[in-house]
PDB file of N, CA and C in Angstrom:
ATOM      1  N   UNK A   1     113.925 110.808  95.413  1.00  0.00           N
ATOM      2  CA  UNK A   1     112.966 109.908  96.031  1.00  0.00           C
ATOM      3  C   UNK A   1     113.496 109.477  97.403  1.00  0.00           C
ATOM      4  N   UNK A   2     112.612 109.480  98.374  1.00  0.00           N
ATOM      5  CA  UNK A   2     112.972 109.016  99.705  1.00  0.00           C
ATOM      6  C   UNK A   2     113.290 107.528  99.637  1.00  0.00           C
ATOM      7  N   UNK A   3     114.325 107.113 100.324  1.00  0.00           N
ATOM      8  CA  UNK A   3     114.689 105.703 100.345  1.00  0.00           C
ATOM      9  C   UNK A   3     113.506 104.861 100.835  1.00  0.00           C
ATOM     10  N   UNK A   4     113.301 103.746 100.190  1.00  0.00           N
ATOM     11  CA  UNK A   4     112.202 102.850 100.562  1.00  0.00           C
ATOM     12  C   UNK A   4     112.277 102.439 102.026  1.00  0.00           C
ATOM     13  N   UNK A   5     113.462 102.203 102.498  1.00  0.00           N
ATOM     14  CA  UNK A   5     113.661 101.731 103.867  1.00  0.00           C
ATOM     15  C   UNK A   5     113.142 102.719 104.911  1.00  0.00           C
ATOM     16  N   UNK A   6     113.148 103.995 104.592  1.00  0.00           N
ATOM     17  CA  UNK A   6     112.739 105.029 105.534  1.00  0.00           C
ATOM     18  C   UNK A   6     111.236 105.283 105.523  1.00  0.00           C
ATOM     19  N   UNK A   7     110.510 104.648 104.613  1.00  0.00           N
ATOM     20  CA  UNK A   7     109.086 104.917 104.455  1.00  0.00           C
ATOM     21  C   UNK A   7     108.238 103.939 105.259  1.00  0.00           C
ATOM     22  N   UNK A   8     106.986 104.303 105.456  1.00  0.00           N
ATOM     23  CA  UNK A   8     106.006 103.476 106.153  1.00  0.00           C
ATOM     24  C   UNK A   8     104.927 103.048 105.170  1.00  0.00           C
ATOM     25  N   UNK A   9     104.349 101.896 105.411  1.00  0.00           N
ATOM     26  CA  UNK A   9     103.252 101.426 104.576  1.00  0.00           C
ATOM     27  C   UNK A   9     101.991 102.242 104.861  1.00  0.00           C
ATOM     28  N   UNK A  10     101.184 102.405 103.824  1.00  0.00           N
ATOM     29  CA  UNK A  10      99.889 103.066 103.971  1.00  0.00           C
ATOM     30  C   UNK A  10      98.810 101.990 103.965  1.00  0.00           C
ATOM     31  N   UNK A  11      97.721 102.205 104.697  1.00  0.00           N
ATOM     32  CA  UNK A  11      96.642 101.212 104.672  1.00  0.00           C
ATOM     33  C   UNK A  11      96.100 101.042 103.249  1.00  0.00           C
ATOM     34  N   UNK A  12      95.895  99.803 102.862  1.00  0.00           N
ATOM     35  CA  UNK A  12      95.397  99.518 101.516  1.00  0.00           C
ATOM     36  C   UNK A  12      94.064  98.801 101.623  1.00  0.00           C
ATOM     37  N   UNK A  13      93.032  99.425 101.098  1.00  0.00           N
ATOM     38  CA  UNK A  13      91.685  98.880 101.210  1.00  0.00           C
ATOM     39  C   UNK A  13      91.223  98.161  99.952  1.00  0.00           C
ATOM     40  N   UNK A  14      92.009  98.196  98.923  1.00  0.00           N
ATOM     41  CA  UNK A  14      91.601  97.585  97.664  1.00  0.00           C
ATOM     42  C   UNK A  14      91.199  98.606  96.627  1.00  0.00           C
ATOM     43  N   UNK A  15      91.088  99.857  97.041  1.00  0.00           N
ATOM     44  CA  UNK A  15      90.707 100.900  96.090  1.00  0.00           C
ATOM     45  C   UNK A  15      91.926 101.611  95.501  1.00  0.00           C
ATOM     46  N   UNK A  16      93.109 101.294  96.004  1.00  0.00           N
ATOM     47  CA  UNK A  16      94.319 101.919  95.481  1.00  0.00           C
ATOM     48  C   UNK A  16      94.748 101.230  94.189  1.00  0.00           C
ATOM     49  N   UNK A  17      95.360 101.974  93.273  1.00  0.00           N
ATOM     50  CA  UNK A  17      95.820 101.344  92.025  1.00  0.00           C
ATOM     51  C   UNK A  17      97.106 100.545  92.256  1.00  0.00           C
ATOM     52  N   UNK A  18      97.329  99.566  91.396  1.00  0.00           N
ATOM     53  CA  UNK A  18      98.593  98.850  91.440  1.00  0.00           C
ATOM     54  C   UNK A  18      99.695  99.789  90.957  1.00  0.00           C
ATOM     55  N   UNK A  19     100.922  99.451  91.285  1.00  0.00           N
ATOM     56  CA  UNK A  19     102.067 100.247  90.846  1.00  0.00           C
ATOM     57  C   UNK A  19     102.155 100.202  89.320  1.00  0.00           C
ATOM     58  N   UNK A  20     102.511 101.325  88.740  1.00  0.00           N
ATOM     59  CA  UNK A  20     102.682 101.384  87.289  1.00  0.00           C
ATOM     60  C   UNK A  20     104.004 100.731  86.896  1.00  0.00           C
ATOM     61  N   UNK A  21     104.170 100.448  85.625  1.00  0.00           N
ATOM     62  CA  UNK A  21     105.424  99.866  85.137  1.00  0.00           C
ATOM     63  C   UNK A  21     106.603 100.782  85.446  1.00  0.00           C
ATOM     64  N   UNK A  22     106.415 102.090  85.308  1.00  0.00           N
ATOM     65  CA  UNK A  22     107.482 103.052  85.594  1.00  0.00           C
ATOM     66  C   UNK A  22     107.829 103.047  87.085  1.00  0.00           C
ATOM     67  N   UNK A  23     106.823 102.984  87.947  1.00  0.00           N
ATOM     68  CA  UNK A  23     107.070 102.933  89.395  1.00  0.00           C
ATOM     69  C   UNK A  23     107.808 101.639  89.759  1.00  0.00           C
ATOM     70  N   UNK A  24     107.358 100.535  89.205  1.00  0.00           N
ATOM     71  CA  UNK A  24     108.006  99.249  89.476  1.00  0.00           C
ATOM     72  C   UNK A  24     109.469  99.302  89.062  1.00  0.00           C
ATOM     73  N   UNK A  25     109.750  99.853  87.904  1.00  0.00           N
ATOM     74  CA  UNK A  25     111.129  99.961  87.422  1.00  0.00           C
ATOM     75  C   UNK A  25     111.977 100.816  88.364  1.00  0.00           C
ATOM     76  N   UNK A  26     111.430 101.922  88.824  1.00  0.00           N
ATOM     77  CA  UNK A  26     112.145 102.822  89.729  1.00  0.00           C
ATOM     78  C   UNK A  26     112.416 102.151  91.073  1.00  0.00           C
ATOM     79  N   UNK A  27     111.383 101.544  91.657  1.00  0.00           N
ATOM     80  CA  UNK A  27     111.550 100.890  92.958  1.00  0.00           C
ATOM     81  C   UNK A  27     112.468  99.683  92.859  1.00  0.00           C
ATOM     82  N   UNK A  28     112.332  98.915  91.796  1.00  0.00           N
ATOM     83  CA  UNK A  28     113.112  97.677  91.634  1.00  0.00           C
ATOM     84  C   UNK A  28     114.609  97.957  91.583  1.00  0.00           C
ATOM     85  N   UNK A  29     114.994  99.115  91.089  1.00  0.00           N
ATOM     86  CA  UNK A  29     116.416  99.476  91.037  1.00  0.00           C
ATOM     87  C   UNK A  29     117.033  99.533  92.435  1.00  0.00           C
ATOM     88  N   UNK A  30     116.206  99.801  93.449  1.00  0.00           N
ATOM     89  CA  UNK A  30     116.694  99.826  94.828  1.00  0.00           C
ATOM     90  C   UNK A  30     116.732  98.429  95.455  1.00  0.00           C
ATOM     91  N   UNK A  31     116.185  97.447  94.739  1.00  0.00           N
ATOM     92  CA  UNK A  31     116.048  96.087  95.269  1.00  0.00           C
ATOM     93  C   UNK A  31     116.580  95.066  94.259  1.00  0.00           C
ATOM     94  N   UNK A  32     117.865  95.126  93.939  1.00  0.00           N
ATOM     95  CA  UNK A  32     118.400  94.288  92.865  1.00  0.00           C
ATOM     96  C   UNK A  32     118.336  92.784  93.137  1.00  0.00           C
ATOM     97  N   UNK A  33     118.235  92.364  94.388  1.00  0.00           N
ATOM     98  CA  UNK A  33     118.214  90.938  94.699  1.00  0.00           C
ATOM     99  C   UNK A  33     116.819  90.319  94.661  1.00  0.00           C
ATOM    100  N   UNK A  34     115.820  91.134  94.401  1.00  0.00           N
ATOM    101  CA  UNK A  34     114.435  90.658  94.352  1.00  0.00           C
ATOM    102  C   UNK A  34     114.044  90.372  92.914  1.00  0.00           C
ATOM    103  N   UNK A  35     113.217  89.343  92.743  1.00  0.00           N
ATOM    104  CA  UNK A  35     112.721  88.974  91.419  1.00  0.00           C
ATOM    105  C   UNK A  35     111.259  89.347  91.289  1.00  0.00           C
ATOM    106  N   UNK A  36     110.892  89.781  90.106  1.00  0.00           N
ATOM    107  CA  UNK A  36     109.485  89.987  89.788  1.00  0.00           C
ATOM    108  C   UNK A  36     108.967  88.662  89.247  1.00  0.00           C
ATOM    109  N   UNK A  37     107.907  88.156  89.850  1.00  0.00           N
ATOM    110  CA  UNK A  37     107.309  86.906  89.392  1.00  0.00           C
ATOM    111  C   UNK A  37     105.816  87.146  89.166  1.00  0.00           C
ATOM    112  N   UNK A  38     105.212  86.280  88.396  1.00  0.00           N
ATOM    113  CA  UNK A  38     103.766  86.305  88.233  1.00  0.00           C
ATOM    114  C   UNK A  38     103.216  84.987  88.739  1.00  0.00           C
ATOM    115  N   UNK A  39     102.287  85.073  89.664  1.00  0.00           N
ATOM    116  CA  UNK A  39     101.643  83.891  90.219  1.00  0.00           C
ATOM    117  C   UNK A  39     100.150  84.151  90.305  1.00  0.00           C
ATOM    118  N   UNK A  40      99.366  83.224  89.825  1.00  0.00           N
ATOM    119  CA  UNK A  40      97.905  83.389  89.789  1.00  0.00           C
ATOM    120  C   UNK A  40      97.506  84.681  89.096  1.00  0.00           C
ATOM    121  N   UNK A  41      98.267  85.066  88.083  1.00  0.00           N
ATOM    122  CA  UNK A  41      97.968  86.268  87.313  1.00  0.00           C
ATOM    123  C   UNK A  41      98.329  87.568  88.006  1.00  0.00           C
ATOM    124  N   UNK A  42      99.029  87.476  89.161  1.00  0.00           N
ATOM    125  CA  UNK A  42      99.397  88.666  89.936  1.00  0.00           C
ATOM    126  C   UNK A  42     100.905  88.848  89.934  1.00  0.00           C
ATOM    127  N   UNK A  43     101.344  90.079  89.751  1.00  0.00           N
ATOM    128  CA  UNK A  43     102.759  90.399  89.824  1.00  0.00           C
ATOM    129  C   UNK A  43     103.167  90.483  91.290  1.00  0.00           C
ATOM    130  N   UNK A  44     104.322  89.847  91.615  1.00  0.00           N
ATOM    131  CA  UNK A  44     104.798  89.791  92.999  1.00  0.00           C
ATOM    132  C   UNK A  44     106.307  89.985  93.043  1.00  0.00           C
ATOM    133  N   UNK A  45     106.802  90.360  94.209  1.00  0.00           N
ATOM    134  CA  UNK A  45     108.242  90.446  94.474  1.00  0.00           C
ATOM    135  C   UNK A  45     108.641  89.236  95.301  1.00  0.00           C
ATOM    136  N   UNK A  46     109.749  88.593  94.913  1.00  0.00           N
ATOM    137  CA  UNK A  46     110.161  87.407  95.651  1.00  0.00           C
ATOM    138  C   UNK A  46     111.681  87.345  95.780  1.00  0.00           C
ATOM    139  N   UNK A  47     112.125  86.883  96.936  1.00  0.00           N
ATOM    140  CA  UNK A  47     113.549  86.670  97.163  1.00  0.00           C
ATOM    141  C   UNK A  47     113.725  85.455  98.067  1.00  0.00           C
ATOM    142  N   UNK A  48     114.762  84.683  97.789  1.00  0.00           N
ATOM    143  CA  UNK A  48     115.123  83.551  98.631  1.00  0.00           C
ATOM    144  C   UNK A  48     116.366  83.943  99.428  1.00  0.00           C
ATOM    145  N   UNK A  49     116.252  83.848 100.749  1.00  0.00           N
ATOM    146  CA  UNK A  49     117.348  84.146 101.661  1.00  0.00           C
ATOM    147  C   UNK A  49     117.944  82.820 102.138  1.00  0.00           C
ATOM    148  N   UNK A  50     119.261  82.700 102.113  1.00  0.00           N
ATOM    149  CA  UNK A  50     119.945  81.456 102.487  1.00  0.00           C
ATOM    150  C   UNK A  50     120.476  81.527 103.932  1.00  0.00           C
ATOM    151  N   UNK A  51     120.430  80.383 104.613  1.00  0.00           N
ATOM    152  CA  UNK A  51     120.879  80.286 105.998  1.00  0.00           C
ATOM    153  C   UNK A  51     121.676  79.006 106.210  1.00  0.00           C
ATOM    154  N   UNK A  52     122.401  78.952 107.314  1.00  0.00           N
ATOM    155  CA  UNK A  52     123.224  77.788 107.623  1.00  0.00           C
ATOM    156  C   UNK A  52     122.393  76.602 108.105  1.00  0.00           C
ATOM    157  N   UNK A  53     121.218  76.879 108.683  1.00  0.00           N
ATOM    158  CA  UNK A  53     120.407  75.797 109.239  1.00  0.00           C
ATOM    159  C   UNK A  53     118.961  76.252 109.402  1.00  0.00           C
ATOM    160  N   UNK A  54     118.137  75.355 109.902  1.00  0.00           N
ATOM    161  CA  UNK A  54     116.715  75.663 110.061  1.00  0.00           C
ATOM    162  C   UNK A  54     116.482  76.696 111.154  1.00  0.00           C
ATOM    163  N   UNK A  55     117.229  76.625 112.224  1.00  0.00           N
ATOM    164  CA  UNK A  55     117.041  77.557 113.336  1.00  0.00           C
ATOM    165  C   UNK A  55     117.231  79.006 112.874  1.00  0.00           C
ATOM    166  N   UNK A  56     118.274  79.262 112.093  1.00  0.00           N
ATOM    167  CA  UNK A  56     118.516  80.616 111.586  1.00  0.00           C
ATOM    168  C   UNK A  56     117.425  81.044 110.602  1.00  0.00           C
ATOM    169  N   UNK A  57     116.979  80.100 109.787  1.00  0.00           N
ATOM    170  CA  UNK A  57     115.895  80.403 108.846  1.00  0.00           C
ATOM    171  C   UNK A  57     114.612  80.772 109.597  1.00  0.00           C
ATOM    172  N   UNK A  58     114.317  80.017 110.635  1.00  0.00           N
ATOM    173  CA  UNK A  58     113.114  80.283 111.428  1.00  0.00           C
ATOM    174  C   UNK A  58     113.209  81.628 112.145  1.00  0.00           C
ATOM    175  N   UNK A  59     114.383  81.950 112.678  1.00  0.00           N
ATOM    176  CA  UNK A  59     114.567  83.239 113.346  1.00  0.00           C
ATOM    177  C   UNK A  59     114.319  84.387 112.369  1.00  0.00           C
ATOM    178  N   UNK A  60     114.799  84.249 111.132  1.00  0.00           N
ATOM    179  CA  UNK A  60     114.580  85.291 110.124  1.00  0.00           C
ATOM    180  C   UNK A  60     113.094  85.377 109.761  1.00  0.00           C
ATOM    181  N   UNK A  61     112.450  84.236 109.636  1.00  0.00           N
ATOM    182  CA  UNK A  61     111.009  84.219 109.354  1.00  0.00           C
ATOM    183  C   UNK A  61     110.263  85.016 110.415  1.00  0.00           C
ATOM    184  N   UNK A  62     110.595  84.784 111.671  1.00  0.00           N
ATOM    185  CA  UNK A  62     109.936  85.501 112.769  1.00  0.00           C
ATOM    186  C   UNK A  62     110.255  86.990 112.738  1.00  0.00           C
ATOM    187  N   UNK A  63     111.471  87.342 112.361  1.00  0.00           N
ATOM    188  CA  UNK A  63     111.851  88.747 112.264  1.00  0.00           C
ATOM    189  C   UNK A  63     111.037  89.458 111.177  1.00  0.00           C
ATOM    190  N   UNK A  64     110.931  88.825 110.012  1.00  0.00           N
ATOM    191  CA  UNK A  64     110.124  89.417 108.930  1.00  0.00           C
ATOM    192  C   UNK A  64     108.652  89.474 109.349  1.00  0.00           C
ATOM    193  N   UNK A  65     108.196  88.444 110.039  1.00  0.00           N
ATOM    194  CA  UNK A  65     106.818  88.453 110.527  1.00  0.00           C
ATOM    195  C   UNK A  65     106.552  89.600 111.486  1.00  0.00           C
ATOM    196  N   UNK A  66     107.501  89.887 112.355  1.00  0.00           N
ATOM    197  CA  UNK A  66     107.345  91.022 113.274  1.00  0.00           C
ATOM    198  C   UNK A  66     107.344  92.351 112.536  1.00  0.00           C
ATOM    199  N   UNK A  67     108.207  92.485 111.527  1.00  0.00           N
ATOM    200  CA  UNK A  67     108.196  93.705 110.703  1.00  0.00           C
ATOM    201  C   UNK A  67     106.847  93.870 110.013  1.00  0.00           C
ATOM    202  N   UNK A  68     106.316  92.763 109.511  1.00  0.00           N
ATOM    203  CA  UNK A  68     105.021  92.795 108.826  1.00  0.00           C
ATOM    204  C   UNK A  68     103.911  93.256 109.769  1.00  0.00           C
ATOM    205  N   UNK A  69     103.923  92.754 110.989  1.00  0.00           N
ATOM    206  CA  UNK A  69     102.922  93.165 111.973  1.00  0.00           C
ATOM    207  C   UNK A  69     103.035  94.653 112.291  1.00  0.00           C
ATOM    208  N   UNK A  70     104.272  95.147 112.428  1.00  0.00           N
ATOM    209  CA  UNK A  70     104.483  96.569 112.716  1.00  0.00           C
ATOM    210  C   UNK A  70     103.924  97.457 111.615  1.00  0.00           C
ATOM    211  N   UNK A  71     104.049  97.019 110.380  1.00  0.00           N
ATOM    212  CA  UNK A  71     103.610  97.828 109.238  1.00  0.00           C
ATOM    213  C   UNK A  71     102.180  97.512 108.796  1.00  0.00           C
ATOM    214  N   UNK A  72     101.620  96.421 109.286  1.00  0.00           N
ATOM    215  CA  UNK A  72     100.272  96.038 108.872  1.00  0.00           C
ATOM    216  C   UNK A  72     100.215  95.555 107.434  1.00  0.00           C
ATOM    217  N   UNK A  73     101.308  94.946 106.985  1.00  0.00           N
ATOM    218  CA  UNK A  73     101.381  94.445 105.603  1.00  0.00           C
ATOM    219  C   UNK A  73     102.130  93.119 105.645  1.00  0.00           C
ATOM    220  N   UNK A  74     101.525  92.068 105.121  1.00  0.00           N
ATOM    221  CA  UNK A  74     102.012  90.716 105.383  1.00  0.00           C
ATOM    222  C   UNK A  74     102.377  89.968 104.102  1.00  0.00           C
ATOM    223  N   UNK A  75     103.527  89.253 104.142  1.00  0.00           N
ATOM    224  CA  UNK A  75     103.998  88.500 102.991  1.00  0.00           C
ATOM    225  C   UNK A  75     103.584  87.027 103.057  1.00  0.00           C
ATOM    226  N   UNK A  76     103.919  86.324 102.009  1.00  0.00           N
ATOM    227  CA  UNK A  76     103.932  84.862 102.064  1.00  0.00           C
ATOM    228  C   UNK A  76     105.352  84.487 102.469  1.00  0.00           C
ATOM    229  N   UNK A  77     105.471  83.622 103.459  1.00  0.00           N
ATOM    230  CA  UNK A  77     106.773  83.181 103.955  1.00  0.00           C
ATOM    231  C   UNK A  77     106.835  81.657 103.876  1.00  0.00           C
ATOM    232  N   UNK A  78     107.841  81.162 103.201  1.00  0.00           N
ATOM    233  CA  UNK A  78     108.076  79.721 103.141  1.00  0.00           C
ATOM    234  C   UNK A  78     109.414  79.451 103.807  1.00  0.00           C
ATOM    235  N   UNK A  79     109.356  78.784 104.952  1.00  0.00           N
ATOM    236  CA  UNK A  79     110.557  78.482 105.725  1.00  0.00           C
ATOM    237  C   UNK A  79     110.928  77.020 105.515  1.00  0.00           C
ATOM    238  N   UNK A  80     112.160  76.806 105.079  1.00  0.00           N
ATOM    239  CA  UNK A  80     112.676  75.465 104.849  1.00  0.00           C
ATOM    240  C   UNK A  80     114.042  75.370 105.500  1.00  0.00           C
ATOM    241  N   UNK A  81     114.597  74.161 105.542  1.00  0.00           N
ATOM    242  CA  UNK A  81     115.931  74.013 106.089  1.00  0.00           C
ATOM    243  C   UNK A  81     116.893  74.833 105.233  1.00  0.00           C
ATOM    244  N   UNK A  82     117.537  75.839 105.845  1.00  0.00           N
ATOM    245  CA  UNK A  82     118.556  76.623 105.179  1.00  0.00           C
ATOM    246  C   UNK A  82     118.066  77.718 104.267  1.00  0.00           C
ATOM    247  N   UNK A  83     116.763  77.954 104.196  1.00  0.00           N
ATOM    248  CA  UNK A  83     116.309  79.058 103.347  1.00  0.00           C
ATOM    249  C   UNK A  83     114.898  79.517 103.711  1.00  0.00           C
ATOM    250  N   UNK A  84     114.658  80.785 103.386  1.00  0.00           N
ATOM    251  CA  UNK A  84     113.336  81.383 103.552  1.00  0.00           C
ATOM    252  C   UNK A  84     113.003  82.110 102.261  1.00  0.00           C
ATOM    253  N   UNK A  85     111.854  81.783 101.696  1.00  0.00           N
ATOM    254  CA  UNK A  85     111.363  82.488 100.510  1.00  0.00           C
ATOM    255  C   UNK A  85     110.340  83.503 100.991  1.00  0.00           C
ATOM    256  N   UNK A  86     110.590  84.776 100.675  1.00  0.00           N
ATOM    257  CA  UNK A  86     109.702  85.869 101.067  1.00  0.00           C
ATOM    258  C   UNK A  86     109.067  86.411  99.787  1.00  0.00           C
ATOM    259  N   UNK A  87     107.750  86.484  99.786  1.00  0.00           N
ATOM    260  CA  UNK A  87     107.021  86.994  98.622  1.00  0.00           C
ATOM    261  C   UNK A  87     106.085  88.105  99.077  1.00  0.00           C
ATOM    262  N   UNK A  88     106.263  89.275  98.465  1.00  0.00           N
ATOM    263  CA  UNK A  88     105.434  90.439  98.782  1.00  0.00           C
ATOM    264  C   UNK A  88     104.531  90.771  97.610  1.00  0.00           C
ATOM    265  N   UNK A  89     103.278  91.023  97.885  1.00  0.00           N
ATOM    266  CA  UNK A  89     102.325  91.603  96.954  1.00  0.00           C
ATOM    267  C   UNK A  89     101.144  92.057  97.788  1.00  0.00           C
ATOM    268  N   UNK A  90     100.299  92.841  97.191  1.00  0.00           N
ATOM    269  CA  UNK A  90      99.163  93.385  97.937  1.00  0.00           C
ATOM    270  C   UNK A  90      97.913  92.618  97.534  1.00  0.00           C
ATOM    271  N   UNK A  91      97.474  91.764  98.436  1.00  0.00           N
ATOM    272  CA  UNK A  91      96.339  90.881  98.170  1.00  0.00           C
ATOM    273  C   UNK A  91      95.100  91.676  97.750  1.00  0.00           C
ATOM    274  N   UNK A  92      94.850  92.790  98.427  1.00  0.00           N
ATOM    275  CA  UNK A  92      93.619  93.556  98.213  1.00  0.00           C
ATOM    276  C   UNK A  92      93.505  94.126  96.798  1.00  0.00           C
ATOM    277  N   UNK A  93      94.638  94.328  96.123  1.00  0.00           N
ATOM    278  CA  UNK A  93      94.580  94.881  94.760  1.00  0.00           C
ATOM    279  C   UNK A  93      95.086  93.881  93.722  1.00  0.00           C
ATOM    280  N   UNK A  94      95.488  92.712  94.169  1.00  0.00           N
ATOM    281  CA  UNK A  94      95.902  91.671  93.246  1.00  0.00           C
ATOM    282  C   UNK A  94      97.168  91.979  92.466  1.00  0.00           C
ATOM    283  N   UNK A  95      98.100  92.639  93.114  1.00  0.00           N
ATOM    284  CA  UNK A  95      99.354  92.967  92.436  1.00  0.00           C
ATOM    285  C   UNK A  95     100.275  93.753  93.349  1.00  0.00           C
ATOM    286  N   UNK A  96     101.192  94.470  92.734  1.00  0.00           N
ATOM    287  CA  UNK A  96     102.191  95.223  93.493  1.00  0.00           C
ATOM    288  C   UNK A  96     101.745  96.639  93.809  1.00  0.00           C
ATOM    289  N   UNK A  97     102.085  97.072  94.994  1.00  0.00           N
ATOM    290  CA  UNK A  97     101.840  98.429  95.469  1.00  0.00           C
ATOM    291  C   UNK A  97     103.151  98.940  96.063  1.00  0.00           C
ATOM    292  N   UNK A  98     103.261 100.213  96.246  1.00  0.00           N
ATOM    293  CA  UNK A  98     104.439 100.818  96.858  1.00  0.00           C
ATOM    294  C   UNK A  98     104.804 100.133  98.178  1.00  0.00           C
ATOM    295  N   UNK A  99     103.786  99.731  98.957  1.00  0.00           N
ATOM    296  CA  UNK A  99     104.016  99.046 100.230  1.00  0.00           C
ATOM    297  C   UNK A  99     104.903  97.812 100.078  1.00  0.00           C
ATOM    298  N   UNK A 100     104.735  97.090  98.988  1.00  0.00           N
ATOM    299  CA  UNK A 100     105.492  95.854  98.787  1.00  0.00           C
ATOM    300  C   UNK A 100     106.982  96.138  98.640  1.00  0.00           C
ATOM    301  N   UNK A 101     107.310  97.219  97.990  1.00  0.00           N
ATOM    302  CA  UNK A 101     108.703  97.604  97.804  1.00  0.00           C
ATOM    303  C   UNK A 101     109.308  98.109  99.123  1.00  0.00           C
ATOM    304  N   UNK A 102     108.501  98.822  99.895  1.00  0.00           N
ATOM    305  CA  UNK A 102     108.948  99.250 101.228  1.00  0.00           C
ATOM    306  C   UNK A 102     109.291  98.033 102.069  1.00  0.00           C
ATOM    307  N   UNK A 103     108.411  97.042 102.079  1.00  0.00           N
ATOM    308  CA  UNK A 103     108.624  95.869 102.911  1.00  0.00           C
ATOM    309  C   UNK A 103     109.754  94.986 102.389  1.00  0.00           C
ATOM    310  N   UNK A 104     109.960  94.954 101.093  1.00  0.00           N
ATOM    311  CA  UNK A 104     111.115  94.220 100.554  1.00  0.00           C
ATOM    312  C   UNK A 104     112.406  94.878 101.039  1.00  0.00           C
ATOM    313  N   UNK A 105     112.442  96.201 101.041  1.00  0.00           N
ATOM    314  CA  UNK A 105     113.623  96.919 101.536  1.00  0.00           C
ATOM    315  C   UNK A 105     113.844  96.639 103.021  1.00  0.00           C
ATOM    316  N   UNK A 106     112.773  96.586 103.790  1.00  0.00           N
ATOM    317  CA  UNK A 106     112.891  96.297 105.231  1.00  0.00           C
ATOM    318  C   UNK A 106     113.334  94.848 105.454  1.00  0.00           C
ATOM    319  N   UNK A 107     112.893  93.946 104.593  1.00  0.00           N
ATOM    320  CA  UNK A 107     113.352  92.556 104.673  1.00  0.00           C
ATOM    321  C   UNK A 107     114.837  92.470 104.392  1.00  0.00           C
ATOM    322  N   UNK A 108     115.301  93.199 103.384  1.00  0.00           N
ATOM    323  CA  UNK A 108     116.737  93.243 103.080  1.00  0.00           C
ATOM    324  C   UNK A 108     117.537  93.783 104.252  1.00  0.00           C
ATOM    325  N   UNK A 109     117.031  94.826 104.891  1.00  0.00           N
ATOM    326  CA  UNK A 109     117.741  95.424 106.044  1.00  0.00           C
ATOM    327  C   UNK A 109     117.821  94.420 107.189  1.00  0.00           C
ATOM    328  N   UNK A 110     116.768  93.658 107.414  1.00  0.00           N
ATOM    329  CA  UNK A 110     116.774  92.633 108.453  1.00  0.00           C
ATOM    330  C   UNK A 110     117.812  91.552 108.123  1.00  0.00           C
ATOM    331  N   UNK A 111     117.905  91.190 106.869  1.00  0.00           N
ATOM    332  CA  UNK A 111     118.892  90.204 106.406  1.00  0.00           C
ATOM    333  C   UNK A 111     120.311  90.716 106.651  1.00  0.00           C
ATOM    334  N   UNK A 112     120.562  91.963 106.288  1.00  0.00           N
ATOM    335  CA  UNK A 112     121.900  92.529 106.462  1.00  0.00           C
ATOM    336  C   UNK A 112     122.262  92.673 107.932  1.00  0.00           C
ATOM    337  N   UNK A 113     121.285  92.970 108.776  1.00  0.00           N
ATOM    338  CA  UNK A 113     121.520  93.149 110.213  1.00  0.00           C
ATOM    339  C   UNK A 113     121.922  91.850 110.883  1.00  0.00           C
ATOM    340  N   UNK A 114     121.489  90.731 110.337  1.00  0.00           N
ATOM    341  CA  UNK A 114     121.796  89.444 110.955  1.00  0.00           C
ATOM    342  C   UNK A 114     123.228  89.003 110.687  1.00  0.00           C
ATOM    343  N   UNK A 115     123.871  89.589 109.699  1.00  0.00           N
ATOM    344  CA  UNK A 115     125.239  89.190 109.330  1.00  0.00           C
ATOM    345  C   UNK A 115     126.260  89.727 110.302  1.00  0.00           C
TER     346      UNK A 115
END
């Protein structure tokens, strides 16, 4: 399987199926720091990134936001003093799609690059 980080998101119109349990298991193995959560009946990927202060948290929020714009796939971002919670899911299908795992991998790469 091609590494998630090297892949691009595909446009999602709502007609694509959600990721299967087997796909989720396979992709999740590449993203050990992400949690699977259920919110409003939808499966989502979530990770909390820690920072020394609000300025660093905000800079990371903007970095993830720029990645999202480049790929045309957008997360929920909660920026607080010293942390950013990033949640990926595909709104149009009400659950997880391959795109969400790609973007989680890109978020991880952005986190590692800042260190």
